Amino acid sequence: MGHADHNTTEFIPLNIAIMTVSDSRTEDDDTSGNVLVTKLTEAGHKLFEKRIVADDRYLIRAVLSKWIADPAVEAVITTGGTGLTGRDITPESVTPLFDKTIEGFGELFRMKSYEIIKTSTVQSRALAGLANGTPIFCLPGSPGACKDGWAIIQDQLDIRHKPCNLVEMMPRFKEV
């Protein structure tokens, strides 16, 4: 866990919502969404809700808007729709909701992904941002990408990660 100091700070479990963006996935074959649920629960977080949402920008925004308006949802992770095909519209759907983008997330995801899939990572439009004080991370739709993305996200959603993390900043995200 990098520079994490587990002796001075107690873990704070977060309520995390998971969205799989897909026209074809069902609960029976949503491997990527299930990878994220497994990873977040193994880390000690709580699943707030898991939804499969069609590749429709207004449905995606409707579900995300509901979650970011709910103070019980402390983070959101989406999987799917970050590629380059016509149906891949997650970035276009989510970005208008962001109050701030977290530029380094997509950069770090592609750097990590390059180690595994080489230049194919240029096809990923993974991104993250804050919407109404809620961190939203958008990952590609493969189980491997979800594992790679979680490897980055987990430290930022763990207050014990040093020198800094998103959890310790959450109370200040809505400052004016």
N, C-alpha and C. Protein backbone atom coordinates (compact mmCIF):
# COMPACT_ATOMS: atom_id res chain seq x y z
N MET A 1 0.81 -1.21 0.00
CA MET A 1 0.00 0.00 0.00
C MET A 1 0.84 1.25 0.00
N GLY A 2 1.97 1.22 -0.60
CA GLY A 2 2.78 2.43 -0.69
C GLY A 2 3.28 2.87 0.66
N HIS A 3 3.02 4.12 0.99
CA HIS A 3 3.50 4.71 2.24
C HIS A 3 2.46 4.62 3.35
N ALA A 4 1.51 3.72 3.25
CA ALA A 4 0.44 3.63 4.23
C ALA A 4 1.00 3.35 5.62
N ASP A 5 0.46 4.04 6.60
CA ASP A 5 0.83 3.83 7.98
C ASP A 5 -0.40 3.32 8.71
N HIS A 6 -0.44 2.02 8.93
CA HIS A 6 -1.63 1.40 9.51
C HIS A 6 -1.67 1.53 11.04
N ASN A 7 -0.65 2.09 11.65
CA ASN A 7 -0.59 2.15 13.10
C ASN A 7 -1.22 3.41 13.68
N THR A 8 -1.40 4.45 12.89
CA THR A 8 -1.85 5.71 13.46
C THR A 8 -3.28 6.10 13.08
N THR A 9 -3.84 5.50 12.04
CA THR A 9 -5.16 5.89 11.59
C THR A 9 -6.00 4.64 11.39
N GLU A 10 -7.26 4.71 11.79
CA GLU A 10 -8.17 3.58 11.64
C GLU A 10 -8.88 3.65 10.29
N PHE A 11 -9.01 2.53 9.63
CA PHE A 11 -9.70 2.45 8.34
C PHE A 11 -11.13 2.95 8.47
N ILE A 12 -11.58 3.71 7.46
CA ILE A 12 -12.96 4.20 7.41
C ILE A 12 -13.63 3.57 6.20
N PRO A 13 -14.59 2.65 6.42
CA PRO A 13 -15.29 2.05 5.27
C PRO A 13 -16.20 3.08 4.61
N LEU A 14 -16.19 3.08 3.27
CA LEU A 14 -17.03 4.00 2.50
C LEU A 14 -18.17 3.24 1.85
N ASN A 15 -19.27 3.94 1.59
CA ASN A 15 -20.37 3.41 0.79
C ASN A 15 -20.06 3.73 -0.67
N ILE A 16 -19.88 2.68 -1.46
CA ILE A 16 -19.47 2.84 -2.86
C ILE A 16 -20.55 2.25 -3.77
N ALA A 17 -20.93 3.02 -4.78
CA ALA A 17 -21.89 2.56 -5.79
C ALA A 17 -21.12 2.12 -7.03
N ILE A 18 -21.59 1.04 -7.65
CA ILE A 18 -20.96 0.48 -8.85
C ILE A 18 -21.96 0.52 -10.00
N MET A 19 -21.52 1.06 -11.15
CA MET A 19 -22.35 1.08 -12.35
C MET A 19 -21.61 0.38 -13.48
N THR A 20 -22.26 -0.61 -14.06
CA THR A 20 -21.76 -1.24 -15.28
C THR A 20 -22.53 -0.63 -16.44
N VAL A 21 -21.82 -0.02 -17.37
CA VAL A 21 -22.44 0.59 -18.54
C VAL A 21 -22.37 -0.43 -19.68
N SER A 22 -23.54 -0.95 -20.06
CA SER A 22 -23.57 -1.99 -21.09
C SER A 22 -24.98 -2.20 -21.62
N ASP A 23 -25.06 -2.45 -22.92
CA ASP A 23 -26.32 -2.85 -23.54
C ASP A 23 -26.52 -4.35 -23.49
N SER A 24 -25.46 -5.10 -23.19
CA SER A 24 -25.54 -6.55 -23.31
C SER A 24 -25.34 -7.32 -22.01
N ARG A 25 -24.76 -6.72 -21.00
CA ARG A 25 -24.51 -7.44 -19.75
C ARG A 25 -25.78 -7.60 -18.92
N THR A 26 -25.79 -8.71 -18.16
CA THR A 26 -26.84 -8.96 -17.18
C THR A 26 -26.15 -9.26 -15.86
N GLU A 27 -26.90 -9.39 -14.80
CA GLU A 27 -26.30 -9.74 -13.50
C GLU A 27 -25.57 -11.08 -13.58
N ASP A 28 -26.03 -11.97 -14.45
CA ASP A 28 -25.41 -13.29 -14.57
C ASP A 28 -24.02 -13.25 -15.20
N ASP A 29 -23.75 -12.27 -16.06
CA ASP A 29 -22.46 -12.25 -16.75
C ASP A 29 -21.71 -10.92 -16.61
N ASP A 30 -22.02 -10.16 -15.59
CA ASP A 30 -21.34 -8.88 -15.35
C ASP A 30 -20.05 -9.12 -14.58
N THR A 31 -19.06 -9.69 -15.25
CA THR A 31 -17.81 -10.03 -14.57
C THR A 31 -17.07 -8.79 -14.07
N SER A 32 -17.06 -7.73 -14.85
CA SER A 32 -16.33 -6.52 -14.44
C SER A 32 -16.97 -5.87 -13.22
N GLY A 33 -18.27 -5.71 -13.24
CA GLY A 33 -18.96 -5.15 -12.08
C GLY A 33 -18.75 -6.01 -10.84
N ASN A 34 -18.78 -7.31 -11.03
CA ASN A 34 -18.58 -8.22 -9.89
C ASN A 34 -17.15 -8.17 -9.36
N VAL A 35 -16.17 -7.97 -10.25
CA VAL A 35 -14.79 -7.80 -9.79
C VAL A 35 -14.71 -6.59 -8.86
N LEU A 36 -15.34 -5.49 -9.26
CA LEU A 36 -15.29 -4.27 -8.43
C LEU A 36 -15.98 -4.48 -7.09
N VAL A 37 -17.13 -5.16 -7.10
CA VAL A 37 -17.84 -5.44 -5.84
C VAL A 37 -16.95 -6.28 -4.93
N THR A 38 -16.33 -7.31 -5.48
CA THR A 38 -15.45 -8.16 -4.68
C THR A 38 -14.29 -7.37 -4.12
N LYS A 39 -13.64 -6.56 -4.96
CA LYS A 39 -12.49 -5.78 -4.52
C LYS A 39 -12.86 -4.79 -3.41
N LEU A 40 -13.96 -4.08 -3.58
CA LEU A 40 -14.31 -3.07 -2.57
C LEU A 40 -14.73 -3.72 -1.25
N THR A 41 -15.42 -4.85 -1.31
CA THR A 41 -15.83 -5.51 -0.06
C THR A 41 -14.64 -6.17 0.62
N GLU A 42 -13.73 -6.75 -0.16
CA GLU A 42 -12.51 -7.33 0.43
C GLU A 42 -11.68 -6.26 1.12
N ALA A 43 -11.72 -5.03 0.60
CA ALA A 43 -10.97 -3.93 1.20
C ALA A 43 -11.65 -3.39 2.46
N GLY A 44 -12.89 -3.81 2.72
CA GLY A 44 -13.60 -3.36 3.91
C GLY A 44 -14.65 -2.30 3.66
N HIS A 45 -14.84 -1.90 2.41
CA HIS A 45 -15.87 -0.92 2.08
C HIS A 45 -17.23 -1.60 1.96
N LYS A 46 -18.28 -0.79 1.81
CA LYS A 46 -19.65 -1.30 1.70
C LYS A 46 -20.20 -0.99 0.32
N LEU A 47 -20.87 -1.96 -0.27
CA LEU A 47 -21.54 -1.73 -1.54
C LEU A 47 -22.85 -1.01 -1.26
N PHE A 48 -22.98 0.21 -1.78
CA PHE A 48 -24.22 0.96 -1.62
C PHE A 48 -25.28 0.41 -2.57
N GLU A 49 -24.91 0.28 -3.85
CA GLU A 49 -25.82 -0.24 -4.86
C GLU A 49 -24.99 -0.60 -6.09
N LYS A 50 -25.45 -1.60 -6.81
CA LYS A 50 -24.82 -1.97 -8.08
C LYS A 50 -25.91 -1.97 -9.14
N ARG A 51 -25.64 -1.27 -10.25
CA ARG A 51 -26.62 -1.16 -11.33
C ARG A 51 -25.96 -1.42 -12.67
N ILE A 52 -26.70 -2.05 -13.57
CA ILE A 52 -26.30 -2.16 -14.96
C ILE A 52 -27.17 -1.17 -15.72
N VAL A 53 -26.50 -0.26 -16.45
CA VAL A 53 -27.20 0.82 -17.14
C VAL A 53 -26.83 0.75 -18.62
N ALA A 54 -27.84 0.85 -19.47
CA ALA A 54 -27.61 0.81 -20.92
C ALA A 54 -26.74 1.97 -21.37
N ASP A 55 -26.11 1.81 -22.53
CA ASP A 55 -25.27 2.86 -23.12
C ASP A 55 -26.15 4.00 -23.63
N ASP A 56 -26.70 4.74 -22.70
CA ASP A 56 -27.58 5.87 -23.00
C ASP A 56 -27.18 7.00 -22.07
N ARG A 57 -26.69 8.09 -22.63
CA ARG A 57 -26.14 9.16 -21.80
C ARG A 57 -27.12 9.69 -20.76
N TYR A 58 -28.40 9.72 -21.07
CA TYR A 58 -29.36 10.28 -20.12
C TYR A 58 -29.70 9.29 -19.00
N LEU A 59 -29.69 8.00 -19.30
CA LEU A 59 -29.86 7.00 -18.24
C LEU A 59 -28.65 6.99 -17.32
N ILE A 60 -27.46 7.06 -17.92
CA ILE A 60 -26.23 7.10 -17.12
C ILE A 60 -26.25 8.32 -16.21
N ARG A 61 -26.56 9.48 -16.75
CA ARG A 61 -26.60 10.71 -15.95
C ARG A 61 -27.68 10.65 -14.88
N ALA A 62 -28.83 10.06 -15.19
CA ALA A 62 -29.92 9.98 -14.21
C ALA A 62 -29.50 9.17 -12.99
N VAL A 63 -28.89 8.00 -13.22
CA VAL A 63 -28.46 7.16 -12.11
C VAL A 63 -27.34 7.85 -11.34
N LEU A 64 -26.35 8.39 -12.05
CA LEU A 64 -25.26 9.09 -11.37
C LEU A 64 -25.77 10.29 -10.58
N SER A 65 -26.70 11.03 -11.15
CA SER A 65 -27.24 12.21 -10.47
C SER A 65 -27.94 11.82 -9.17
N LYS A 66 -28.65 10.72 -9.21
CA LYS A 66 -29.32 10.22 -7.99
C LYS A 66 -28.27 9.88 -6.93
N TRP A 67 -27.22 9.19 -7.35
CA TRP A 67 -26.18 8.79 -6.40
C TRP A 67 -25.42 9.99 -5.85
N ILE A 68 -25.05 10.94 -6.70
CA ILE A 68 -24.25 12.06 -6.19
C ILE A 68 -25.09 13.03 -5.35
N ALA A 69 -26.41 12.96 -5.49
CA ALA A 69 -27.29 13.78 -4.65
C ALA A 69 -27.53 13.13 -3.29
N ASP A 70 -27.23 11.85 -3.17
CA ASP A 70 -27.46 11.09 -1.93
C ASP A 70 -26.21 11.17 -1.06
N PRO A 71 -26.29 11.81 0.11
CA PRO A 71 -25.10 11.94 0.96
C PRO A 71 -24.56 10.59 1.45
N ALA A 72 -25.37 9.54 1.37
CA ALA A 72 -24.90 8.22 1.79
C ALA A 72 -23.90 7.61 0.81
N VAL A 73 -23.91 8.05 -0.45
CA VAL A 73 -22.97 7.54 -1.46
C VAL A 73 -21.69 8.37 -1.37
N GLU A 74 -20.60 7.70 -1.04
CA GLU A 74 -19.34 8.41 -0.82
C GLU A 74 -18.36 8.29 -1.99
N ALA A 75 -18.60 7.35 -2.91
CA ALA A 75 -17.78 7.22 -4.11
C ALA A 75 -18.56 6.37 -5.11
N VAL A 76 -18.24 6.57 -6.40
CA VAL A 76 -18.87 5.82 -7.47
C VAL A 76 -17.78 5.30 -8.40
N ILE A 77 -17.93 4.05 -8.84
CA ILE A 77 -17.03 3.50 -9.85
C ILE A 77 -17.89 2.96 -10.98
N THR A 78 -17.57 3.38 -12.20
CA THR A 78 -18.27 2.83 -13.36
C THR A 78 -17.30 1.95 -14.12
N THR A 79 -17.86 0.99 -14.86
CA THR A 79 -17.06 0.14 -15.73
C THR A 79 -17.79 0.01 -17.06
N GLY A 80 -17.04 0.20 -18.14
CA GLY A 80 -17.62 0.08 -19.48
C GLY A 80 -17.85 1.42 -20.13
N GLY A 81 -17.86 1.39 -21.47
CA GLY A 81 -18.19 2.57 -22.25
C GLY A 81 -17.09 3.59 -22.39
N THR A 82 -15.84 3.21 -22.10
CA THR A 82 -14.74 4.18 -22.18
C THR A 82 -13.89 4.01 -23.43
N GLY A 83 -14.29 3.15 -24.35
CA GLY A 83 -13.52 2.91 -25.57
C GLY A 83 -13.81 3.95 -26.64
N LEU A 84 -13.63 3.55 -27.88
CA LEU A 84 -13.73 4.49 -29.00
C LEU A 84 -14.88 4.21 -29.95
N THR A 85 -15.68 3.18 -29.70
CA THR A 85 -16.77 2.88 -30.63
C THR A 85 -17.92 3.87 -30.44
N GLY A 86 -18.85 3.84 -31.34
CA GLY A 86 -19.98 4.75 -31.28
C GLY A 86 -20.81 4.61 -30.02
N ARG A 87 -20.90 3.40 -29.45
CA ARG A 87 -21.69 3.17 -28.24
C ARG A 87 -20.91 3.50 -26.97
N ASP A 88 -19.62 3.76 -27.07
CA ASP A 88 -18.80 4.07 -25.90
C ASP A 88 -18.97 5.55 -25.56
N ILE A 89 -19.89 5.83 -24.64
CA ILE A 89 -20.24 7.22 -24.34
C ILE A 89 -20.11 7.58 -22.87
N THR A 90 -19.45 6.74 -22.09
CA THR A 90 -19.34 7.05 -20.66
C THR A 90 -18.64 8.39 -20.41
N PRO A 91 -17.48 8.67 -21.01
CA PRO A 91 -16.86 9.99 -20.73
C PRO A 91 -17.77 11.17 -21.10
N GLU A 92 -18.43 11.09 -22.24
CA GLU A 92 -19.32 12.17 -22.66
C GLU A 92 -20.54 12.30 -21.74
N SER A 93 -20.96 11.18 -21.15
CA SER A 93 -22.11 11.18 -20.26
C SER A 93 -21.77 11.72 -18.88
N VAL A 94 -20.58 11.38 -18.40
CA VAL A 94 -20.20 11.68 -17.03
C VAL A 94 -19.55 13.05 -16.88
N THR A 95 -18.72 13.43 -17.82
CA THR A 95 -17.96 14.68 -17.71
C THR A 95 -18.82 15.91 -17.42
N PRO A 96 -20.00 16.07 -18.03
CA PRO A 96 -20.80 17.26 -17.71
C PRO A 96 -21.23 17.34 -16.24
N LEU A 97 -21.19 16.22 -15.53
CA LEU A 97 -21.57 16.23 -14.11
C LEU A 97 -20.42 16.65 -13.21
N PHE A 98 -19.19 16.59 -13.71
CA PHE A 98 -18.03 16.90 -12.88
C PHE A 98 -17.95 18.38 -12.52
N ASP A 99 -17.67 18.62 -11.25
CA ASP A 99 -17.30 19.96 -10.80
C ASP A 99 -15.80 20.17 -10.99
N LYS A 100 -15.05 19.08 -10.85
CA LYS A 100 -13.60 19.09 -11.06
C LYS A 100 -13.20 17.74 -11.64
N THR A 101 -12.21 17.77 -12.51
CA THR A 101 -11.67 16.51 -13.01
C THR A 101 -10.43 16.14 -12.19
N ILE A 102 -10.17 14.86 -12.12
CA ILE A 102 -8.97 14.34 -11.46
C ILE A 102 -8.08 13.82 -12.59
N GLU A 103 -7.37 14.74 -13.22
CA GLU A 103 -6.59 14.43 -14.42
C GLU A 103 -5.61 13.28 -14.22
N GLY A 104 -4.96 13.25 -13.08
CA GLY A 104 -3.94 12.24 -12.85
C GLY A 104 -4.44 10.81 -12.86
N PHE A 105 -5.73 10.61 -12.59
CA PHE A 105 -6.25 9.24 -12.56
C PHE A 105 -6.14 8.57 -13.92
N GLY A 106 -6.65 9.21 -14.96
CA GLY A 106 -6.59 8.62 -16.29
C GLY A 106 -5.16 8.42 -16.76
N GLU A 107 -4.31 9.38 -16.44
CA GLU A 107 -2.90 9.27 -16.82
C GLU A 107 -2.24 8.08 -16.13
N LEU A 108 -2.48 7.95 -14.83
CA LEU A 108 -1.89 6.85 -14.08
C LEU A 108 -2.48 5.51 -14.52
N PHE A 109 -3.79 5.47 -14.80
CA PHE A 109 -4.40 4.23 -15.27
C PHE A 109 -3.74 3.78 -16.58
N ARG A 110 -3.57 4.70 -17.51
CA ARG A 110 -2.97 4.33 -18.79
C ARG A 110 -1.49 3.94 -18.64
N MET A 111 -0.80 4.57 -17.71
CA MET A 111 0.59 4.19 -17.45
C MET A 111 0.65 2.75 -16.91
N LYS A 112 -0.20 2.46 -15.95
CA LYS A 112 -0.25 1.11 -15.38
C LYS A 112 -0.69 0.10 -16.44
N SER A 113 -1.67 0.46 -17.22
CA SER A 113 -2.19 -0.41 -18.27
C SER A 113 -1.14 -0.68 -19.35
N TYR A 114 -0.31 0.30 -19.64
CA TYR A 114 0.74 0.14 -20.65
C TYR A 114 1.67 -1.02 -20.30
N GLU A 115 1.93 -1.20 -19.01
CA GLU A 115 2.80 -2.28 -18.57
C GLU A 115 2.24 -3.64 -18.98
N ILE A 116 0.92 -3.73 -19.16
CA ILE A 116 0.27 -5.01 -19.44
C ILE A 116 -0.13 -5.14 -20.91
N ILE A 117 -0.78 -4.10 -21.46
CA ILE A 117 -1.31 -4.22 -22.83
C ILE A 117 -0.60 -3.32 -23.83
N LYS A 118 0.51 -2.75 -23.39
CA LYS A 118 1.34 -1.90 -24.26
C LYS A 118 0.53 -0.76 -24.88
N THR A 119 0.74 -0.48 -26.15
CA THR A 119 0.14 0.71 -26.76
C THR A 119 -1.38 0.61 -26.93
N SER A 120 -1.96 -0.55 -26.72
CA SER A 120 -3.43 -0.66 -26.78
C SER A 120 -4.10 0.23 -25.74
N THR A 121 -3.35 0.65 -24.74
CA THR A 121 -3.91 1.51 -23.71
C THR A 121 -4.36 2.87 -24.25
N VAL A 122 -3.87 3.27 -25.41
CA VAL A 122 -4.32 4.56 -25.96
C VAL A 122 -5.81 4.54 -26.29
N GLN A 123 -6.41 3.36 -26.39
CA GLN A 123 -7.83 3.25 -26.68
C GLN A 123 -8.70 3.43 -25.43
N SER A 124 -8.08 3.54 -24.27
CA SER A 124 -8.83 3.71 -23.03
C SER A 124 -9.04 5.19 -22.73
N ARG A 125 -10.27 5.52 -22.40
CA ARG A 125 -10.55 6.90 -21.97
C ARG A 125 -10.96 6.90 -20.50
N ALA A 126 -10.26 6.10 -19.69
CA ALA A 126 -10.52 6.08 -18.25
C ALA A 126 -10.37 7.49 -17.70
N LEU A 127 -11.23 7.86 -16.77
CA LEU A 127 -11.20 9.21 -16.21
C LEU A 127 -11.80 9.22 -14.82
N ALA A 128 -11.63 10.33 -14.13
CA ALA A 128 -12.22 10.50 -12.80
C ALA A 128 -12.47 11.98 -12.55
N GLY A 129 -13.35 12.23 -11.60
CA GLY A 129 -13.65 13.60 -11.22
C GLY A 129 -14.49 13.64 -9.97
N LEU A 130 -14.81 14.85 -9.55
CA LEU A 130 -15.67 15.09 -8.40
C LEU A 130 -16.97 15.69 -8.88
N ALA A 131 -18.08 15.16 -8.37
CA ALA A 131 -19.40 15.71 -8.67
C ALA A 131 -20.16 15.82 -7.36
N ASN A 132 -20.50 17.02 -6.98
CA ASN A 132 -21.17 17.28 -5.71
C ASN A 132 -20.41 16.66 -4.55
N GLY A 133 -19.09 16.73 -4.61
CA GLY A 133 -18.24 16.22 -3.55
C GLY A 133 -18.03 14.71 -3.59
N THR A 134 -18.55 14.03 -4.59
CA THR A 134 -18.43 12.58 -4.70
C THR A 134 -17.40 12.21 -5.75
N PRO A 135 -16.36 11.47 -5.38
CA PRO A 135 -15.42 10.99 -6.39
C PRO A 135 -16.09 9.96 -7.31
N ILE A 136 -15.90 10.12 -8.62
CA ILE A 136 -16.41 9.18 -9.61
C ILE A 136 -15.23 8.73 -10.45
N PHE A 137 -15.06 7.41 -10.53
CA PHE A 137 -13.99 6.81 -11.32
C PHE A 137 -14.63 6.01 -12.44
N CYS A 138 -14.20 6.23 -13.69
CA CYS A 138 -14.75 5.54 -14.85
C CYS A 138 -13.67 4.66 -15.46
N LEU A 139 -13.92 3.35 -15.41
CA LEU A 139 -12.96 2.35 -15.88
C LEU A 139 -13.45 1.67 -17.15
N PRO A 140 -12.53 1.11 -17.93
CA PRO A 140 -12.94 0.28 -19.06
C PRO A 140 -13.73 -0.95 -18.57
N GLY A 141 -14.34 -1.63 -19.52
CA GLY A 141 -15.26 -2.71 -19.19
C GLY A 141 -14.69 -4.10 -19.08
N SER A 142 -13.39 -4.26 -19.02
CA SER A 142 -12.84 -5.61 -18.86
C SER A 142 -12.49 -5.88 -17.40
N PRO A 143 -12.57 -7.14 -16.98
CA PRO A 143 -12.19 -7.47 -15.60
C PRO A 143 -10.75 -7.07 -15.28
N GLY A 144 -9.83 -7.24 -16.25
CA GLY A 144 -8.45 -6.84 -16.02
C GLY A 144 -8.30 -5.36 -15.78
N ALA A 145 -9.03 -4.57 -16.56
CA ALA A 145 -8.99 -3.12 -16.38
C ALA A 145 -9.56 -2.72 -15.02
N CYS A 146 -10.59 -3.43 -14.57
CA CYS A 146 -11.17 -3.14 -13.26
C CYS A 146 -10.18 -3.47 -12.14
N LYS A 147 -9.45 -4.56 -12.29
CA LYS A 147 -8.42 -4.90 -11.30
C LYS A 147 -7.31 -3.85 -11.29
N ASP A 148 -6.87 -3.44 -12.49
CA ASP A 148 -5.82 -2.42 -12.58
C ASP A 148 -6.31 -1.09 -12.01
N GLY A 149 -7.54 -0.72 -12.34
CA GLY A 149 -8.10 0.52 -11.82
C GLY A 149 -8.25 0.49 -10.32
N TRP A 150 -8.72 -0.63 -9.80
CA TRP A 150 -8.89 -0.74 -8.35
C TRP A 150 -7.54 -0.61 -7.63
N ALA A 151 -6.48 -1.10 -8.24
CA ALA A 151 -5.15 -0.99 -7.63
C ALA A 151 -4.78 0.47 -7.38
N ILE A 152 -5.30 1.37 -8.19
CA ILE A 152 -5.08 2.81 -8.00
C ILE A 152 -6.12 3.38 -7.03
N ILE A 153 -7.37 3.06 -7.28
CA ILE A 153 -8.47 3.61 -6.50
C ILE A 153 -8.38 3.23 -5.02
N GLN A 154 -8.00 1.98 -4.74
CA GLN A 154 -8.03 1.51 -3.36
C GLN A 154 -7.21 2.38 -2.42
N ASP A 155 -6.04 2.83 -2.85
CA ASP A 155 -5.23 3.68 -1.98
C ASP A 155 -5.89 5.04 -1.76
N GLN A 156 -6.50 5.59 -2.79
CA GLN A 156 -7.12 6.90 -2.65
C GLN A 156 -8.41 6.85 -1.83
N LEU A 157 -9.01 5.65 -1.69
CA LEU A 157 -10.21 5.50 -0.86
C LEU A 157 -9.87 4.87 0.49
N ASP A 158 -8.61 4.97 0.89
CA ASP A 158 -8.16 4.44 2.18
C ASP A 158 -7.47 5.57 2.94
N ILE A 159 -8.08 5.98 4.04
CA ILE A 159 -7.54 7.11 4.81
C ILE A 159 -6.15 6.84 5.36
N ARG A 160 -5.75 5.58 5.42
CA ARG A 160 -4.43 5.24 5.94
C ARG A 160 -3.32 5.45 4.91
N HIS A 161 -3.69 5.67 3.64
CA HIS A 161 -2.67 5.85 2.60
C HIS A 161 -2.02 7.22 2.75
N LYS A 162 -0.71 7.22 2.79
CA LYS A 162 0.05 8.46 2.94
C LYS A 162 0.96 8.64 1.74
N PRO A 163 1.27 9.84 1.32
CA PRO A 163 1.11 11.07 2.09
C PRO A 163 -0.28 11.68 2.02
N CYS A 164 -1.12 11.29 1.07
CA CYS A 164 -2.45 11.87 1.03
C CYS A 164 -3.41 10.90 0.34
N ASN A 165 -4.70 11.16 0.52
CA ASN A 165 -5.75 10.32 -0.05
C ASN A 165 -7.01 11.16 -0.17
N LEU A 166 -7.99 10.65 -0.90
CA LEU A 166 -9.24 11.39 -1.09
C LEU A 166 -10.12 11.40 0.15
N VAL A 167 -10.05 10.36 0.96
CA VAL A 167 -10.93 10.26 2.13
C VAL A 167 -10.70 11.41 3.09
N GLU A 168 -9.44 11.74 3.36
CA GLU A 168 -9.18 12.83 4.29
C GLU A 168 -9.61 14.18 3.74
N MET A 169 -9.74 14.27 2.41
CA MET A 169 -10.16 15.52 1.77
C MET A 169 -11.67 15.64 1.61
N MET A 170 -12.40 14.54 1.73
CA MET A 170 -13.85 14.54 1.46
C MET A 170 -14.62 15.63 2.19
N PRO A 171 -14.33 15.90 3.45
CA PRO A 171 -15.08 16.97 4.14
C PRO A 171 -14.91 18.34 3.49
N ARG A 172 -13.87 18.53 2.69
CA ARG A 172 -13.59 19.83 2.10
C ARG A 172 -13.98 19.93 0.63
N PHE A 173 -14.46 18.85 0.04
CA PHE A 173 -14.77 18.86 -1.39
C PHE A 173 -15.86 19.86 -1.78
N LYS A 174 -16.74 20.19 -0.86
CA LYS A 174 -17.84 21.09 -1.21
C LYS A 174 -17.61 22.53 -0.73
N GLU A 175 -16.38 22.83 -0.31
CA GLU A 175 -16.08 24.19 0.12
C GLU A 175 -16.32 25.18 -1.01
N VAL A 176 -16.74 26.38 -0.64
CA VAL A 176 -16.89 27.45 -1.61
C VAL A 176 -15.88 28.54 -1.37
